[in-house]
C-alpha atoms as a PDB file:
ATOM      1  CA  MET A   1      -5.146-112.188  85.341  1.00  0.00           C
ATOM      2  CA  GLY A   2      -2.611-109.460  86.036  1.00  0.00           C
ATOM      3  CA  LEU A   3       0.383-111.766  85.804  1.00  0.00           C
ATOM      4  CA  MET A   4       2.292-109.272  83.651  1.00  0.00           C
ATOM      5  CA  ARG A   5       1.829-106.304  86.008  1.00  0.00           C
ATOM      6  CA  ARG A   6       4.923-104.801  87.613  1.00  0.00           C
ATOM      7  CA  ARG A   7       5.753-105.892  91.165  1.00  0.00           C
ATOM      8  CA  HIS A   8       7.578-102.779  92.353  1.00  0.00           C
ATOM      9  CA  ALA A   9       7.206-103.434  96.091  1.00  0.00           C
ATOM     10  CA  TYR A  10       8.512-106.992  95.683  1.00  0.00           C
ATOM     11  CA  TYR A  11      11.554-105.946  93.664  1.00  0.00           C
ATOM     12  CA  TRP A  12      12.434-102.885  95.752  1.00  0.00           C
ATOM     13  CA  THR A  13      12.274-105.086  98.847  1.00  0.00           C
ATOM     14  CA  ARG A  14      14.612-107.638  97.261  1.00  0.00           C
ATOM     15  CA  PHE A  15      17.006-104.870  96.226  1.00  0.00           C
ATOM     16  CA  ALA A  16      17.027-103.369  99.740  1.00  0.00           C
ATOM     17  CA  VAL A  17      17.522-106.744 101.430  1.00  0.00           C
ATOM     18  CA  LEU A  18      20.403-107.695  99.126  1.00  0.00           C
ATOM     19  CA  THR A  19      22.060-104.292  99.551  1.00  0.00           C
ATOM     20  CA  LEU A  20      21.843-104.572 103.342  1.00  0.00           C
ATOM     21  CA  ALA A  21      23.149-108.146 103.159  1.00  0.00           C
ATOM     22  CA  LEU A  22      26.196-107.033 101.165  1.00  0.00           C
ATOM     23  CA  VAL A  23      26.863-104.176 103.578  1.00  0.00           C
ATOM     24  CA  GLY A  24      26.490-106.586 106.509  1.00  0.00           C
ATOM     25  CA  ILE A  25      28.896-109.061 104.928  1.00  0.00           C
ATOM     26  CA  GLY A  26      31.414-106.271 104.369  1.00  0.00           C
ATOM     27  CA  VAL A  27      31.195-105.143 107.994  1.00  0.00           C
ATOM     28  CA  ALA A  28      31.478-108.726 109.254  1.00  0.00           C
ATOM     29  CA  PHE A  29      34.485-109.298 106.986  1.00  0.00           C
ATOM     30  CA  VAL A  30      36.362-106.349 108.493  1.00  0.00           C
ATOM     31  CA  LEU A  31      35.371-107.189 112.078  1.00  0.00           C
ATOM     32  CA  ILE A  32      36.334-110.879 111.821  1.00  0.00           C
ATOM     33  CA  GLY A  33      39.731-109.958 110.386  1.00  0.00           C
ATOM     34  CA  PRO A  34      42.486-112.509 109.677  1.00  0.00           C
ATOM     35  CA  SER A  35      40.694-115.743 110.566  1.00  0.00           C
ATOM     36  CA  TRP A  36      39.871-118.926 108.709  1.00  0.00           C
ATOM     37  CA  TRP A  37      36.255-118.286 109.704  1.00  0.00           C
ATOM     38  CA  GLN A  38      36.339-115.914 106.744  1.00  0.00           C
ATOM     39  CA  MET A  39      35.769-118.947 104.530  1.00  0.00           C
ATOM     40  CA  VAL A  40      32.212-118.975 105.908  1.00  0.00           C
ATOM     41  CA  THR A  41      31.940-115.290 104.989  1.00  0.00           C
ATOM     42  CA  ALA A  42      33.129-116.177 101.473  1.00  0.00           C
ATOM     43  CA  ALA A  43      30.466-118.883 101.144  1.00  0.00           C
ATOM     44  CA  VAL A  44      27.694-116.544 102.303  1.00  0.00           C
ATOM     45  CA  LEU A  45      28.928-113.858  99.907  1.00  0.00           C
ATOM     46  CA  ALA A  46      28.826-116.330  97.007  1.00  0.00           C
ATOM     47  CA  VAL A  47      25.164-117.089  97.681  1.00  0.00           C
ATOM     48  CA  VAL A  48      24.199-113.429  98.097  1.00  0.00           C
ATOM     49  CA  LEU A  49      25.966-112.503  94.851  1.00  0.00           C
ATOM     50  CA  GLY A  50      24.085-115.316  93.142  1.00  0.00           C
ATOM     51  CA  GLN A  51      20.843-113.742  94.354  1.00  0.00           C
ATOM     52  CA  VAL A  52      22.086-110.375  93.090  1.00  0.00           C
ATOM     53  CA  MET A  53      22.570-111.879  89.634  1.00  0.00           C
ATOM     54  CA  PHE A  54      19.061-113.353  89.683  1.00  0.00           C
ATOM     55  CA  LEU A  55      17.707-109.873  90.379  1.00  0.00           C
ATOM     56  CA  GLY A  56      19.904-108.470  87.601  1.00  0.00           C
ATOM     57  CA  HIS A  57      18.548-111.179  85.310  1.00  0.00           C
ATOM     58  CA  ASP A  58      14.991-110.008  85.995  1.00  0.00           C
ATOM     59  CA  ALA A  59      15.944-106.395  85.303  1.00  0.00           C
ATOM     60  CA  ALA A  60      17.649-107.380  82.038  1.00  0.00           C
ATOM     61  CA  HIS A  61      14.396-109.037  80.945  1.00  0.00           C
ATOM     62  CA  LYS A  62      12.476-105.798  81.634  1.00  0.00           C
ATOM     63  CA  GLN A  63      10.527-107.468  84.440  1.00  0.00           C
ATOM     64  CA  ILE A  64      10.982-104.774  87.079  1.00  0.00           C
ATOM     65  CA  PHE A  65      10.177-101.379  85.553  1.00  0.00           C
ATOM     66  CA  ALA A  66       7.999-100.226  82.660  1.00  0.00           C
ATOM     67  CA  SER A  67      10.900 -98.065  81.466  1.00  0.00           C
ATOM     68  CA  SER A  68      13.614 -99.854  79.478  1.00  0.00           C
ATOM     69  CA  ARG A  69      16.090 -97.212  80.627  1.00  0.00           C
ATOM     70  CA  TRP A  70      15.349 -97.931  84.279  1.00  0.00           C
ATOM     71  CA  ASN A  71      15.718-101.660  83.708  1.00  0.00           C
ATOM     72  CA  ASP A  72      19.030-101.132  81.910  1.00  0.00           C
ATOM     73  CA  TRP A  73      20.436 -99.034  84.727  1.00  0.00           C
ATOM     74  CA  ALA A  74      19.184-101.483  87.329  1.00  0.00           C
ATOM     75  CA  SER A  75      21.032-104.245  85.457  1.00  0.00           C
ATOM     76  CA  LEU A  76      24.198-102.157  85.254  1.00  0.00           C
ATOM     77  CA  VAL A  77      24.165-101.435  88.979  1.00  0.00           C
ATOM     78  CA  LEU A  78      23.406-105.038  89.951  1.00  0.00           C
ATOM     79  CA  ALA A  79      25.630-106.888  87.473  1.00  0.00           C
ATOM     80  CA  ASN A  80      28.558-104.503  87.051  1.00  0.00           C
ATOM     81  CA  LEU A  81      28.706-102.535  90.309  1.00  0.00           C
ATOM     82  CA  TYR A  82      27.406-105.136  92.776  1.00  0.00           C
ATOM     83  CA  ALA A  83      28.670-108.360  91.185  1.00  0.00           C
ATOM     84  CA  GLY A  84      31.591-107.203  89.016  1.00  0.00           C
ATOM     85  CA  MET A  85      30.255-108.751  85.809  1.00  0.00           C
ATOM     86  CA  SER A  86      29.379-107.189  82.446  1.00  0.00           C
ATOM     87  CA  TYR A  87      25.695-106.616  81.783  1.00  0.00           C
ATOM     88  CA  GLY A  88      26.396-105.939  78.095  1.00  0.00           C
ATOM     89  CA  TRP A  89      28.226-109.230  77.594  1.00  0.00           C
ATOM     90  CA  TRP A  90      25.608-111.254  79.453  1.00  0.00           C
ATOM     91  CA  ASN A  91      22.643-109.558  77.763  1.00  0.00           C
ATOM     92  CA  HIS A  92      23.940-110.289  74.256  1.00  0.00           C
ATOM     93  CA  LYS A  93      24.726-113.918  75.061  1.00  0.00           C
ATOM     94  CA  HIS A  94      21.476-114.528  76.927  1.00  0.00           C
ATOM     95  CA  GLY A  95      19.395-112.829  74.247  1.00  0.00           C
ATOM     96  CA  ARG A  96      20.659-115.305  71.641  1.00  0.00           C
ATOM     97  CA  HIS A  97      19.848-118.166  74.003  1.00  0.00           C
ATOM     98  CA  HIS A  98      16.260-117.015  74.455  1.00  0.00           C
ATOM     99  CA  ALA A  99      15.725-116.555  70.733  1.00  0.00           C
ATOM    100  CA  LYS A 100      16.833-120.097  69.858  1.00  0.00           C
ATOM    101  CA  PRO A 101      17.492-122.263  72.927  1.00  0.00           C
ATOM    102  CA  ASN A 102      19.457-125.482  72.387  1.00  0.00           C
ATOM    103  CA  THR A 103      19.914-124.671  68.695  1.00  0.00           C
ATOM    104  CA  VAL A 104      23.271-125.539  67.152  1.00  0.00           C
ATOM    105  CA  GLY A 105      25.125-122.454  65.955  1.00  0.00           C
ATOM    106  CA  ALA A 106      22.643-120.043  67.556  1.00  0.00           C
ATOM    107  CA  ASP A 107      22.631-120.759  71.288  1.00  0.00           C
ATOM    108  CA  GLY A 108      25.963-119.799  72.841  1.00  0.00           C
ATOM    109  CA  ASP A 109      25.208-121.962  75.873  1.00  0.00           C
ATOM    110  CA  ILE A 110      25.876-125.118  73.816  1.00  0.00           C
ATOM    111  CA  GLN A 111      28.902-123.934  71.884  1.00  0.00           C
ATOM    112  CA  PRO A 112      31.763-126.469  72.182  1.00  0.00           C
ATOM    113  CA  GLY A 113      34.579-125.596  74.549  1.00  0.00           C
ATOM    114  CA  VAL A 114      35.920-127.611  77.434  1.00  0.00           C
ATOM    115  CA  LEU A 115      32.643-129.552  77.238  1.00  0.00           C
ATOM    116  CA  VAL A 116      31.021-130.924  74.085  1.00  0.00           C
ATOM    117  CA  PHE A 117      27.231-130.744  73.870  1.00  0.00           C
ATOM    118  CA  THR A 118      26.556-132.427  70.503  1.00  0.00           C
ATOM    119  CA  THR A 119      28.058-135.417  68.725  1.00  0.00           C
ATOM    120  CA  GLU A 120      28.890-133.332  65.658  1.00  0.00           C
ATOM    121  CA  ASN A 121      31.544-131.551  67.734  1.00  0.00           C
ATOM    122  CA  LEU A 122      33.302-134.785  68.693  1.00  0.00           C
ATOM    123  CA  GLU A 123      35.570-135.164  65.671  1.00  0.00           C
ATOM    124  CA  GLN A 124      38.587-133.571  67.359  1.00  0.00           C
ATOM    125  CA  THR A 125      37.975-135.117  70.775  1.00  0.00           C
ATOM    126  CA  ARG A 126      37.980-138.829  70.006  1.00  0.00           C
ATOM    127  CA  THR A 127      41.598-139.649  70.861  1.00  0.00           C
ATOM    128  CA  GLY A 128      44.189-138.859  73.518  1.00  0.00           C
ATOM    129  CA  PHE A 129      43.358-136.915  76.627  1.00  0.00           C
ATOM    130  CA  LYS A 130      40.525-135.041  74.891  1.00  0.00           C
ATOM    131  CA  GLY A 131      38.867-138.317  74.017  1.00  0.00           C
ATOM    132  CA  TRP A 132      39.312-139.684  77.524  1.00  0.00           C
ATOM    133  CA  PHE A 133      37.920-136.467  79.026  1.00  0.00           C
ATOM    134  CA  ALA A 134      34.954-136.261  76.636  1.00  0.00           C
ATOM    135  CA  GLN A 135      33.855-139.785  77.542  1.00  0.00           C
ATOM    136  CA  ARG A 136      33.681-138.723  81.201  1.00  0.00           C
ATOM    137  CA  GLN A 137      32.784-135.064  80.809  1.00  0.00           C
ATOM    138  CA  GLY A 138      29.488-135.478  82.656  1.00  0.00           C
ATOM    139  CA  TRP A 139      31.320-136.406  85.848  1.00  0.00           C
ATOM    140  CA  PHE A 140      33.561-133.346  85.472  1.00  0.00           C
ATOM    141  CA  PHE A 141      30.700-130.918  84.843  1.00  0.00           C
ATOM    142  CA  PHE A 142      30.026-129.843  88.423  1.00  0.00           C
ATOM    143  CA  PRO A 143      33.712-129.768  89.486  1.00  0.00           C
ATOM    144  CA  LEU A 144      34.431-127.561  86.465  1.00  0.00           C
ATOM    145  CA  LEU A 145      31.817-125.094  87.699  1.00  0.00           C
ATOM    146  CA  LEU A 146      34.323-124.164  90.412  1.00  0.00           C
ATOM    147  CA  LEU A 147      36.080-122.213  87.636  1.00  0.00           C
ATOM    148  CA  GLU A 148      32.899-120.681  86.214  1.00  0.00           C
ATOM    149  CA  GLY A 149      33.013-117.684  88.538  1.00  0.00           C
ATOM    150  CA  ILE A 150      36.404-116.659  87.142  1.00  0.00           C
ATOM    151  CA  ASN A 151      35.188-117.351  83.603  1.00  0.00           C
ATOM    152  CA  LEU A 152      32.131-115.117  84.026  1.00  0.00           C
ATOM    153  CA  HIS A 153      34.237-112.201  85.232  1.00  0.00           C
ATOM    154  CA  ALA A 154      36.912-112.752  82.573  1.00  0.00           C
ATOM    155  CA  SER A 155      34.366-112.936  79.735  1.00  0.00           C
ATOM    156  CA  GLY A 156      32.799-109.671  80.838  1.00  0.00           C
ATOM    157  CA  ILE A 157      36.144-107.891  81.144  1.00  0.00           C
ATOM    158  CA  LYS A 158      37.189-109.147  77.710  1.00  0.00           C
ATOM    159  CA  THR A 159      33.963-107.784  76.216  1.00  0.00           C
ATOM    160  CA  ILE A 160      33.952-104.318  77.753  1.00  0.00           C
ATOM    161  CA  PHE A 161      37.634-103.760  76.984  1.00  0.00           C
ATOM    162  CA  GLY A 162      37.353-105.341  73.531  1.00  0.00           C
ATOM    163  CA  ARG A 163      36.576-103.788  70.169  1.00  0.00           C
ATOM    164  CA  GLY A 164      33.020-105.030  69.781  1.00  0.00           C
ATOM    165  CA  PRO A 165      30.050-102.704  70.298  1.00  0.00           C
ATOM    166  CA  VAL A 166      29.073-102.239  73.960  1.00  0.00           C
ATOM    167  CA  LYS A 167      26.243 -99.940  74.989  1.00  0.00           C
ATOM    168  CA  ARG A 168      27.367 -97.593  77.799  1.00  0.00           C
ATOM    169  CA  ARG A 169      30.924 -98.966  77.620  1.00  0.00           C
ATOM    170  CA  ALA A 170      32.333 -96.193  79.817  1.00  0.00           C
ATOM    171  CA  VAL A 171      29.772 -96.877  82.547  1.00  0.00           C
ATOM    172  CA  GLU A 172      30.414-100.622  82.418  1.00  0.00           C
ATOM    173  CA  ILE A 173      34.185-100.127  82.648  1.00  0.00           C
ATOM    174  CA  ALA A 174      33.833 -97.674  85.535  1.00  0.00           C
ATOM    175  CA  PHE A 175      31.452 -99.892  87.516  1.00  0.00           C
ATOM    176  CA  VAL A 176      33.464-103.102  86.997  1.00  0.00           C
ATOM    177  CA  THR A 177      36.764-101.359  87.825  1.00  0.00           C
ATOM    178  CA  ILE A 178      35.351 -99.872  91.034  1.00  0.00           C
ATOM    179  CA  ARG A 179      33.776-103.186  92.061  1.00  0.00           C
ATOM    180  CA  LEU A 180      36.670-105.539  91.313  1.00  0.00           C
ATOM    181  CA  GLY A 181      39.426-103.113  92.263  1.00  0.00           C
ATOM    182  CA  GLY A 182      37.775-102.148  95.543  1.00  0.00           C
ATOM    183  CA  TYR A 183      36.911-105.759  96.369  1.00  0.00           C
ATOM    184  CA  LEU A 184      40.450-107.048  95.815  1.00  0.00           C
ATOM    185  CA  ALA A 185      41.947-104.108  97.712  1.00  0.00           C
ATOM    186  CA  LEU A 186      39.702-104.791 100.716  1.00  0.00           C
ATOM    187  CA  VAL A 187      40.392-108.550 100.725  1.00  0.00           C
ATOM    188  CA  PHE A 188      44.180-108.151 100.587  1.00  0.00           C
ATOM    189  CA  TRP A 189      44.119-105.281 103.108  1.00  0.00           C
ATOM    190  CA  VAL A 190      42.241-107.308 105.745  1.00  0.00           C
ATOM    191  CA  LEU A 191      43.731-110.765 105.129  1.00  0.00           C
ATOM    192  CA  PRO A 192      47.279-112.078 104.659  1.00  0.00           C
ATOM    193  CA  VAL A 193      48.072-113.155 101.114  1.00  0.00           C
ATOM    194  CA  GLY A 194      47.511-116.896 101.552  1.00  0.00           C
ATOM    195  CA  MET A 195      44.252-116.461 103.403  1.00  0.00           C
ATOM    196  CA  ALA A 196      43.111-113.812 100.913  1.00  0.00           C
ATOM    197  CA  LEU A 197      43.702-116.182  98.000  1.00  0.00           C
ATOM    198  CA  ALA A 198      41.795-118.913  99.824  1.00  0.00           C
ATOM    199  CA  PHE A 199      38.926-116.490 100.467  1.00  0.00           C
ATOM    200  CA  LEU A 200      38.754-115.544  96.792  1.00  0.00           C
ATOM    201  CA  GLY A 201      38.954-119.201  95.773  1.00  0.00           C
ATOM    202  CA  VAL A 202      36.028-120.174  97.987  1.00  0.00           C
ATOM    203  CA  GLN A 203      33.902-117.185  96.998  1.00  0.00           C
ATOM    204  CA  LEU A 204      34.499-117.439  93.241  1.00  0.00           C
ATOM    205  CA  GLY A 205      34.328-121.231  93.253  1.00  0.00           C
ATOM    206  CA  LEU A 206      31.010-121.452  95.095  1.00  0.00           C
ATOM    207  CA  PHE A 207      29.577-118.564  93.075  1.00  0.00           C
ATOM    208  CA  GLY A 208      30.363-120.431  89.851  1.00  0.00           C
ATOM    209  CA  VAL A 209      28.843-123.651  91.168  1.00  0.00           C
ATOM    210  CA  TYR A 210      25.725-121.792  92.307  1.00  0.00           C
ATOM    211  CA  MET A 211      25.234-120.117  88.942  1.00  0.00           C
ATOM    212  CA  GLY A 212      25.855-123.322  86.982  1.00  0.00           C
ATOM    213  CA  ALA A 213      23.665-125.409  89.270  1.00  0.00           C
ATOM    214  CA  SER A 214      20.829-122.928  88.706  1.00  0.00           C
ATOM    215  CA  PHE A 215      21.078-122.565  84.922  1.00  0.00           C
ATOM    216  CA  ALA A 216      22.146-126.063  83.772  1.00  0.00           C
ATOM    217  CA  PRO A 217      18.986-127.974  84.847  1.00  0.00           C
ATOM    218  CA  ASN A 218      16.804-125.889  82.549  1.00  0.00           C
ATOM    219  CA  HIS A 219      18.090-127.024  79.141  1.00  0.00           C
ATOM    220  CA  LYS A 220      21.006-129.464  79.412  1.00  0.00           C
ATOM    221  CA  GLY A 221      19.799-132.908  78.403  1.00  0.00           C
ATOM    222  CA  MET A 222      16.798-131.511  76.538  1.00  0.00           C
ATOM    223  CA  PRO A 223      16.596-131.838  72.728  1.00  0.00           C
ATOM    224  CA  VAL A 224      19.356-130.149  70.755  1.00  0.00           C
ATOM    225  CA  VAL A 225      18.170-129.153  67.290  1.00  0.00           C
ATOM    226  CA  PRO A 226      20.006-128.073  64.117  1.00  0.00           C
ATOM    227  CA  ALA A 227      19.812-124.468  62.952  1.00  0.00           C
ATOM    228  CA  SER A 228      17.657-125.603  60.031  1.00  0.00           C
ATOM    229  CA  ALA A 229      14.900-126.944  62.316  1.00  0.00           C
ATOM    230  CA  LYS A 230      11.532-125.346  61.559  1.00  0.00           C
ATOM    231  CA  MET A 231       9.710-124.856  64.838  1.00  0.00           C
ATOM    232  CA  ASP A 232       7.093-122.353  65.873  1.00  0.00           C
ATOM    233  CA  PHE A 233       7.756-120.164  68.896  1.00  0.00           C
ATOM    234  CA  LEU A 234       5.557-122.160  71.272  1.00  0.00           C
ATOM    235  CA  ARG A 235       7.122-125.541  70.539  1.00  0.00           C
ATOM    236  CA  ARG A 236      10.666-124.173  70.363  1.00  0.00           C
ATOM    237  CA  GLN A 237      10.380-122.718  73.854  1.00  0.00           C
ATOM    238  CA  VAL A 238       8.407-125.557  75.465  1.00  0.00           C
ATOM    239  CA  LEU A 239      10.008-128.651  73.914  1.00  0.00           C
ATOM    240  CA  LEU A 240      13.557-127.425  74.502  1.00  0.00           C
ATOM    241  CA  SER A 241      13.097-126.300  78.128  1.00  0.00           C
ATOM    242  CA  ARG A 242      12.624-128.135  81.416  1.00  0.00           C
ATOM    243  CA  ASN A 243      10.909-127.022  84.611  1.00  0.00           C
ATOM    244  CA  ILE A 244      12.111-127.971  88.079  1.00  0.00           C
ATOM    245  CA  THR A 245       9.439-128.950  90.582  1.00  0.00           C
ATOM    246  CA  GLY A 246       9.472-127.901  94.225  1.00  0.00           C
ATOM    247  CA  GLY A 247       8.155-125.285  96.599  1.00  0.00           C
ATOM    248  CA  ARG A 248       9.141-121.748  97.498  1.00  0.00           C
ATOM    249  CA  LEU A 249      12.600-122.849  98.613  1.00  0.00           C
ATOM    250  CA  VAL A 250      13.389-124.046  95.084  1.00  0.00           C
ATOM    251  CA  ASP A 251      11.982-120.764  93.729  1.00  0.00           C
ATOM    252  CA  TRP A 252      14.404-118.872  95.974  1.00  0.00           C
ATOM    253  CA  PHE A 253      17.388-121.133  95.279  1.00  0.00           C
ATOM    254  CA  MET A 254      16.981-120.857  91.501  1.00  0.00           C
ATOM    255  CA  GLY A 255      15.752-117.271  91.402  1.00  0.00           C
ATOM    256  CA  GLY A 256      12.545-118.344  89.674  1.00  0.00           C
ATOM    257  CA  LEU A 257      14.456-120.039  86.842  1.00  0.00           C
ATOM    258  CA  ASN A 258      12.879-123.338  87.877  1.00  0.00           C
ATOM    259  CA  HIS A 259       9.806-122.091  85.963  1.00  0.00           C
ATOM    260  CA  GLN A 260      11.884-122.127  82.785  1.00  0.00           C
ATOM    261  CA  VAL A 261       9.108-122.971  80.336  1.00  0.00           C
ATOM    262  CA  GLU A 262       6.975-120.046  81.495  1.00  0.00           C
ATOM    263  CA  HIS A 263      10.004-117.749  81.579  1.00  0.00           C
ATOM    264  CA  HIS A 264      10.866-118.572  77.975  1.00  0.00           C
ATOM    265  CA  LEU A 265       7.284-118.031  76.836  1.00  0.00           C
ATOM    266  CA  PHE A 266       6.896-114.780  78.789  1.00  0.00           C
ATOM    267  CA  PRO A 267      10.430-113.423  79.425  1.00  0.00           C
ATOM    268  CA  SER A 268       9.163-110.055  80.701  1.00  0.00           C
ATOM    269  CA  MET A 269       6.754-111.623  83.217  1.00  0.00           C
ATOM    270  CA  PRO A 270       7.909-110.840  86.797  1.00  0.00           C
ATOM    271  CA  SER A 271       9.477-113.942  88.313  1.00  0.00           C
ATOM    272  CA  PRO A 272       7.052-114.158  91.287  1.00  0.00           C
ATOM    273  CA  ALA A 273       4.167-114.547  88.795  1.00  0.00           C
ATOM    274  CA  LEU A 274       5.705-117.529  86.982  1.00  0.00           C
ATOM    275  CA  ARG A 275       4.442-120.027  89.566  1.00  0.00           C
ATOM    276  CA  GLU A 276       0.878-118.799  88.973  1.00  0.00           C
ATOM    277  CA  ALA A 277       1.313-119.038  85.205  1.00  0.00           C
ATOM    278  CA  ARG A 278       2.614-122.597  85.387  1.00  0.00           C
ATOM    279  CA  PRO A 279      -0.716-124.516  85.597  1.00  0.00           C
ATOM    280  CA  ILE A 280      -2.179-122.356  82.820  1.00  0.00           C
ATOM    281  CA  VAL A 281       0.709-123.134  80.474  1.00  0.00           C
ATOM    282  CA  GLN A 282       0.687-126.789  81.484  1.00  0.00           C
ATOM    283  CA  GLU A 283      -3.017-127.147  80.678  1.00  0.00           C
ATOM    284  CA  PHE A 284      -2.594-125.246  77.404  1.00  0.00           C
ATOM    285  CA  CYS A 285       0.220-127.578  76.262  1.00  0.00           C
ATOM    286  CA  GLU A 286      -1.648-130.696  77.336  1.00  0.00           C
ATOM    287  CA  SER A 287      -4.732-129.676  75.346  1.00  0.00           C
ATOM    288  CA  ARG A 288      -2.554-129.423  72.218  1.00  0.00           C
ATOM    289  CA  GLY A 289      -0.489-132.568  72.757  1.00  0.00           C
ATOM    290  CA  ILE A 290       2.735-130.632  73.379  1.00  0.00           C
ATOM    291  CA  THR A 291       5.102-132.337  75.825  1.00  0.00           C
ATOM    292  CA  TYR A 292       5.632-130.248  78.949  1.00  0.00           C
ATOM    293  CA  THR A 293       8.748-131.473  80.781  1.00  0.00           C
ATOM    294  CA  GLN A 294       9.361-131.122  84.503  1.00  0.00           C
ATOM    295  CA  THR A 295      11.361-133.032  87.080  1.00  0.00           C
ATOM    296  CA  THR A 296      12.996-132.640  90.484  1.00  0.00           C
ATOM    297  CA  LEU A 297      16.238-130.720  90.968  1.00  0.00           C
ATOM    298  CA  GLY A 298      18.200-133.848  91.906  1.00  0.00           C
ATOM    299  CA  GLU A 299      16.912-135.777  88.901  1.00  0.00           C
ATOM    300  CA  SER A 300      17.758-132.874  86.592  1.00  0.00           C
ATOM    301  CA  TYR A 301      21.381-133.025  87.754  1.00  0.00           C
ATOM    302  CA  ARG A 302      21.467-136.758  87.012  1.00  0.00           C
ATOM    303  CA  ILE A 303      20.051-136.069  83.548  1.00  0.00           C
ATOM    304  CA  VAL A 304      22.732-133.449  82.862  1.00  0.00           C
ATOM    305  CA  VAL A 305      25.573-135.771  83.898  1.00  0.00           C
ATOM    306  CA  ARG A 306      24.156-138.719  81.955  1.00  0.00           C
ATOM    307  CA  TYR A 307      23.530-136.640  78.835  1.00  0.00           C
ATOM    308  CA  LEU A 308      27.045-135.190  78.744  1.00  0.00           C
ATOM    309  CA  ASN A 309      28.592-138.633  79.207  1.00  0.00           C
ATOM    310  CA  GLU A 310      26.423-140.068  76.432  1.00  0.00           C
ATOM    311  CA  VAL A 311      27.455-137.292  74.059  1.00  0.00           C
ATOM    312  CA  GLY A 312      31.097-137.898  74.941  1.00  0.00           C
ATOM    313  CA  LEU A 313      30.688-141.601  74.286  1.00  0.00           C
ATOM    314  CA  ALA A 314      28.720-140.875  71.098  1.00  0.00           C
ATOM    315  CA  ALA A 315      26.203-143.373  72.504  1.00  0.00           C
ATOM    316  CA  ARG A 316      23.419-141.633  70.698  1.00  0.00           C
ATOM    317  CA  ASP A 317      22.745-138.719  68.367  1.00  0.00           C
ATOM    318  CA  PRO A 318      21.199-135.940  70.483  1.00  0.00           C
ATOM    319  CA  PHE A 319      19.169-134.894  67.447  1.00  0.00           C
ATOM    320  CA  GLN A 320      17.329-138.223  67.691  1.00  0.00           C
ATOM    321  CA  CYS A 321      15.518-137.309  70.863  1.00  0.00           C
ATOM    322  CA  PRO A 322      12.011-138.593  71.607  1.00  0.00           C
ATOM    323  CA  LEU A 323      10.694-135.048  71.949  1.00  0.00           C
ATOM    324  CA  VAL A 324      12.128-133.977  68.594  1.00  0.00           C
ATOM    325  CA  ALA A 325      10.887-137.183  66.980  1.00  0.00           C
ATOM    326  CA  GLU A 326       7.447-136.539  68.445  1.00  0.00           C
ATOM    327  CA  TYR A 327       7.472-133.011  67.054  1.00  0.00           C
ATOM    328  CA  ARG A 328       8.506-134.224  63.593  1.00  0.00           C
ATOM    329  CA  MET A 329       5.808-136.896  63.608  1.00  0.00           C
ATOM    330  CA  ALA A 330       3.222-134.290  64.596  1.00  0.00           C
ATOM    331  CA  ARG A 331       4.196-132.236  61.565  1.00  0.00           C
END
């Protein structure tokens, strides 16, 4: 059906539009000068940078070009130079997630940290402030995303300046240094210190919320399985992922990640083709009795909050999920 063919015109257009948008935001920032209206500029910049990262995500999955080298360089330019994040750090982390989504010990997206995603990680968070926080962690999830923008930048910087292997380390360091150094210099040159800090707070805070609000609905609250779980590729990707329903606006808002099931089955399929693949995958799963999960964006957020609170309260074992039980019964 041609769903795997490259969409060069589509992606070059997106790249050109985003580049012009960033240039326009930069010009507007300088022209507006020291004004609290710059908080609007910061909010717009956060959204545009989110779109930049969606495009970088597609390049990292080899969706744009036939050449791996071209895709790698596109990711470096978009993630490191445009957004100030590390492509190498993100690619390693995201690759593990795709291989074994929602799998304990394999998927870095559910590793315990400030939040706890499985009951087996609750032993040290049952008492004191940690216990109190864990029991309400679902309600804190979205507010905590205000810090995710800083965390994403910090994690990338730690990786590229660390001792672990990083492909094209020198390029990553150069791009991130130019991007972050130039960005901070411009902000503090145009704005007084207090206003500059507020600008950075709004931009980084909303960027983190945007990224988290786009990625969390796809897997949080879906079955979490132990590393020993024996699942074939089809069921692992379908049963542990959730699609978000909606029209083209949802596609744009989530960068195509709302078609998460199809993306996990065909990670190199260009994102504009995922909507066309959706009914095919849905029919295929239905014919084989494999649960295909989808819901609205608002309902997915409610599921995420409820799931995190239930884990914190140890109200149920996330391994005992109806979907996992159904899979085990089918075996």
